Protein backbone atom coordinates (compact mmCIF):
# COMPACT_ATOMS: atom_id res chain seq x y z
CA UNK A 1 -111.83 12.94 -77.86
CA UNK A 2 -109.70 10.25 -76.50
CA UNK A 3 -107.03 8.43 -78.13
CA UNK A 4 -106.03 4.57 -78.04
CA UNK A 5 -103.15 2.92 -76.55
CA UNK A 6 -101.83 1.08 -79.57
CA UNK A 7 -99.66 -2.15 -78.32
CA UNK A 8 -96.92 -3.45 -81.25
CA UNK A 9 -98.64 -7.01 -80.48
CA UNK A 10 -101.97 -7.27 -82.03
CA UNK A 11 -104.61 -9.40 -80.60
CA UNK A 12 -106.01 -12.49 -82.07
CA UNK A 13 -109.52 -13.74 -82.19
CA UNK A 14 -108.79 -16.07 -79.06
CA UNK A 15 -107.64 -13.41 -76.56
CA UNK A 16 -103.89 -14.10 -77.18
CA UNK A 17 -101.58 -12.12 -78.64
CA UNK A 18 -99.69 -12.15 -82.43
CA UNK A 19 -95.61 -11.14 -81.76
CA UNK A 20 -94.10 -8.75 -84.11
CA UNK A 21 -91.40 -11.04 -83.47
CA UNK A 22 -91.47 -14.10 -81.28
CA UNK A 23 -88.56 -15.83 -82.11
CA UNK A 24 -86.51 -12.43 -80.43
CA UNK A 25 -88.70 -12.24 -77.78
CA UNK A 26 -88.54 -15.87 -76.56
CA UNK A 27 -84.82 -15.75 -76.83
CA UNK A 28 -84.50 -12.53 -74.84
CA UNK A 29 -86.79 -14.29 -72.14
CA UNK A 30 -84.85 -17.27 -72.30
CA UNK A 31 -81.53 -15.64 -71.49
CA UNK A 32 -83.42 -13.69 -68.72
CA UNK A 33 -84.18 -17.01 -67.01
CA UNK A 34 -81.33 -18.31 -67.52
CA UNK A 35 -78.89 -15.39 -66.10
CA UNK A 36 -81.17 -15.11 -63.01
CA UNK A 37 -81.77 -18.91 -62.63
CA UNK A 38 -79.71 -21.12 -64.59
CA UNK A 39 -80.92 -23.17 -67.58
CA UNK A 40 -82.96 -25.57 -65.67
CA UNK A 41 -85.81 -23.01 -65.01
CA UNK A 42 -86.82 -22.85 -68.59
CA UNK A 43 -89.69 -23.63 -69.31
CA UNK A 44 -91.48 -22.74 -72.88
CA UNK A 45 -95.03 -22.44 -71.06
CA UNK A 46 -93.67 -19.39 -68.90
CA UNK A 47 -91.70 -18.06 -71.27
CA UNK A 48 -94.89 -17.93 -73.84
CA UNK A 49 -96.63 -16.45 -71.04
CA UNK A 50 -93.63 -13.75 -70.45
CA UNK A 51 -94.21 -12.44 -74.20
CA UNK A 52 -97.77 -12.60 -74.14
CA UNK A 53 -98.86 -15.33 -76.54
CA UNK A 54 -100.01 -19.16 -76.32
CA UNK A 55 -98.26 -21.55 -74.75
CA UNK A 56 -98.15 -23.30 -77.79
CA UNK A 57 -96.41 -19.93 -79.76
CA UNK A 58 -92.96 -20.78 -78.97
CA UNK A 59 -92.77 -24.21 -80.35
CA UNK A 60 -93.49 -23.13 -83.69
CA UNK A 61 -89.86 -21.76 -83.62
CA UNK A 62 -88.20 -24.22 -81.20
CA UNK A 63 -90.18 -27.68 -81.25
CA UNK A 64 -88.89 -27.73 -77.62
CA UNK A 65 -86.64 -26.66 -74.87
CA UNK A 66 -83.91 -28.60 -76.02
CA UNK A 67 -84.23 -26.67 -79.76
CA UNK A 68 -84.59 -23.33 -77.30
CA UNK A 69 -81.32 -24.28 -75.30
CA UNK A 70 -79.81 -24.79 -78.90
CA UNK A 71 -80.11 -21.87 -80.51
CA UNK A 72 -79.43 -20.25 -77.67
CA UNK A 73 -75.83 -21.78 -77.87
CA UNK A 74 -75.57 -21.26 -81.58
CA UNK A 75 -76.19 -17.91 -81.01
CA UNK A 76 -73.52 -17.42 -78.17
CA UNK A 77 -70.88 -19.26 -80.52
CA UNK A 78 -71.54 -16.58 -83.52
CA UNK A 79 -71.45 -13.56 -80.62
CA UNK A 80 -68.35 -15.16 -79.40
CA UNK A 81 -66.74 -15.80 -82.96
CA UNK A 82 -67.60 -12.16 -83.58
CA UNK A 83 -65.51 -10.86 -80.19
CA UNK A 84 -62.41 -13.12 -81.35
CA UNK A 85 -62.73 -11.91 -85.20
CA UNK A 86 -59.81 -9.70 -85.93
CA UNK A 87 -57.82 -9.34 -82.87
CA UNK A 88 -54.32 -10.85 -83.41
CA UNK A 89 -52.25 -11.62 -80.42
CA UNK A 90 -53.79 -14.24 -78.16
CA UNK A 91 -53.41 -12.60 -74.69
CA UNK A 92 -55.86 -9.94 -76.31
CA UNK A 93 -58.05 -12.71 -77.51
CA UNK A 94 -58.50 -14.30 -74.42
CA UNK A 95 -59.48 -11.19 -73.22
CA UNK A 96 -61.93 -11.08 -75.61
CA UNK A 97 -63.15 -14.30 -74.18
CA UNK A 98 -63.86 -13.41 -70.26
CA UNK A 99 -65.34 -10.44 -71.75
CA UNK A 100 -67.72 -12.25 -74.01
CA UNK A 101 -68.17 -14.49 -70.67
CA UNK A 102 -69.52 -11.37 -68.74
CA UNK A 103 -71.44 -9.68 -71.37
CA UNK A 104 -73.12 -12.80 -72.09
CA UNK A 105 -73.24 -14.80 -69.10
CA UNK A 106 -76.57 -16.91 -70.04
CA UNK A 107 -75.16 -17.81 -73.37
CA UNK A 108 -71.47 -18.80 -71.83
CA UNK A 109 -73.81 -20.85 -69.44
CA UNK A 110 -75.56 -22.81 -71.97
CA UNK A 111 -72.82 -23.34 -74.77
CA UNK A 112 -70.74 -25.40 -72.67
CA UNK A 113 -73.23 -27.75 -71.81
CA UNK A 114 -73.88 -30.38 -74.59
CA UNK A 115 -75.84 -32.59 -72.69
CA UNK A 116 -78.95 -29.77 -72.99
CA UNK A 117 -77.95 -29.14 -76.65
CA UNK A 118 -79.23 -31.04 -80.48
CA UNK A 119 -75.86 -31.72 -81.13
CA UNK A 120 -76.38 -32.44 -84.95
CA UNK A 121 -78.47 -29.23 -85.75
CA UNK A 122 -76.92 -27.29 -88.10
CA UNK A 123 -76.94 -23.75 -87.06
CA UNK A 124 -75.54 -24.80 -84.02
CA UNK A 125 -72.86 -27.09 -85.23
CA UNK A 126 -72.18 -24.23 -88.02
CA UNK A 127 -71.70 -21.68 -85.10
CA UNK A 128 -69.11 -23.75 -83.06
CA UNK A 129 -67.14 -24.27 -86.12
CA UNK A 130 -66.84 -20.51 -86.37
CA UNK A 131 -66.11 -19.84 -82.72
CA UNK A 132 -63.48 -22.79 -82.87
CA UNK A 133 -61.69 -21.51 -86.44
CA UNK A 134 -61.22 -17.82 -84.44
CA UNK A 135 -59.88 -19.72 -81.43
CA UNK A 136 -57.32 -21.68 -83.76
CA UNK A 137 -56.26 -18.33 -85.43
CA UNK A 138 -55.05 -17.39 -82.53
CA UNK A 139 -52.25 -20.04 -81.76
CA UNK A 140 -51.04 -20.24 -85.46
CA UNK A 141 -49.39 -17.44 -85.83
CA UNK A 142 -46.80 -18.57 -82.66
CA UNK A 143 -43.98 -19.52 -83.62
CA UNK A 144 -42.31 -21.28 -80.41
CA UNK A 145 -44.75 -23.55 -80.29
CA UNK A 146 -44.19 -27.48 -81.13
CA UNK A 147 -47.51 -27.93 -80.80
CA UNK A 148 -50.40 -25.61 -82.09
CA UNK A 149 -52.96 -27.83 -81.21
CA UNK A 150 -51.90 -28.39 -77.33
CA UNK A 151 -50.96 -24.37 -77.08
CA UNK A 152 -54.75 -23.89 -78.52
CA UNK A 153 -56.11 -26.26 -75.79
CA UNK A 154 -53.85 -24.35 -73.01
CA UNK A 155 -54.63 -20.84 -73.86
CA UNK A 156 -58.97 -21.71 -74.17
CA UNK A 157 -58.41 -23.40 -70.55
CA UNK A 158 -57.15 -20.47 -68.81
CA UNK A 159 -59.21 -18.41 -70.76
CA UNK A 160 -62.29 -20.49 -70.14
CA UNK A 161 -61.32 -21.16 -66.25
CA UNK A 162 -60.77 -17.57 -65.54
CA UNK A 163 -64.10 -16.52 -67.10
CA UNK A 164 -66.06 -19.44 -65.46
CA UNK A 165 -64.40 -19.01 -62.19
CA UNK A 166 -65.35 -14.80 -62.56
CA UNK A 167 -68.94 -15.69 -63.17
CA UNK A 168 -69.50 -17.67 -60.45
CA UNK A 169 -67.72 -15.27 -58.31
CA UNK A 170 -65.22 -17.68 -56.86
CA UNK A 171 -62.01 -15.22 -57.72
CA UNK A 172 -63.72 -11.99 -56.44
CA UNK A 173 -62.12 -11.47 -53.28
CA UNK A 174 -58.67 -12.53 -55.50
CA UNK A 175 -59.59 -9.92 -57.58
CA UNK A 176 -59.50 -7.20 -55.12
CA UNK A 177 -61.37 -4.28 -57.07
CA UNK A 178 -58.99 -4.71 -60.04
CA UNK A 179 -60.46 -4.90 -63.49
CA UNK A 180 -61.11 -8.44 -64.46
CA UNK A 181 -59.05 -8.08 -67.95
CA UNK A 182 -56.46 -6.54 -66.69
CA UNK A 183 -56.28 -9.57 -64.03
CA UNK A 184 -56.27 -11.85 -66.92
CA UNK A 185 -53.62 -9.90 -68.71
CA UNK A 186 -51.36 -10.36 -65.74
CA UNK A 187 -52.40 -13.44 -64.94
CA UNK A 188 -51.30 -14.68 -68.63
CA UNK A 189 -47.77 -12.62 -68.11
CA UNK A 190 -47.37 -15.05 -65.08
CA UNK A 191 -47.66 -18.07 -67.26
CA UNK A 192 -46.71 -17.27 -70.38
CA UNK A 193 -44.05 -14.84 -72.11
CA UNK A 194 -44.25 -13.05 -75.49
CA UNK A 195 -41.42 -13.73 -77.49
CA UNK A 196 -41.22 -11.01 -80.41
């Protein structure tokens, strides 16, 4: 008696496959490509091949490459908002921001390149607003800050700049093997004093 191997994908009459969660499969494949080669290397045709579906299938979910990158960015902003939520101290929000970038480098690469995205996409706009609200909440409780907006931009610039330098390996030597999160905490200590 022989047993058949069952694949999670079912064949259709045209030799292609029907995928159980094509949207997720294409997003995951896209994140792998972006992490390895950057967003410029993305091709819906290649992603369809990787997912084992017809070359036209990803367009049903994303329309085009810009739609796919917009979905990646929206997911990234949602993940960032979740990473920052519930962290009261500004310094620790910065640490969470850096951790997000390290854990989700492909999202991070795409999120801050507006020329790659469909700016009017409602999912992207909503996700960006949630992440922005979490970033603003970090400076809302600072007493001795004359302009909370400027303080927020300063804090974001420090966390974002450090994360970008870390991902591009421009601070590897400076870290000297230290944990990046601890290094970031010491950087903030050099520039800001906590008032309690």
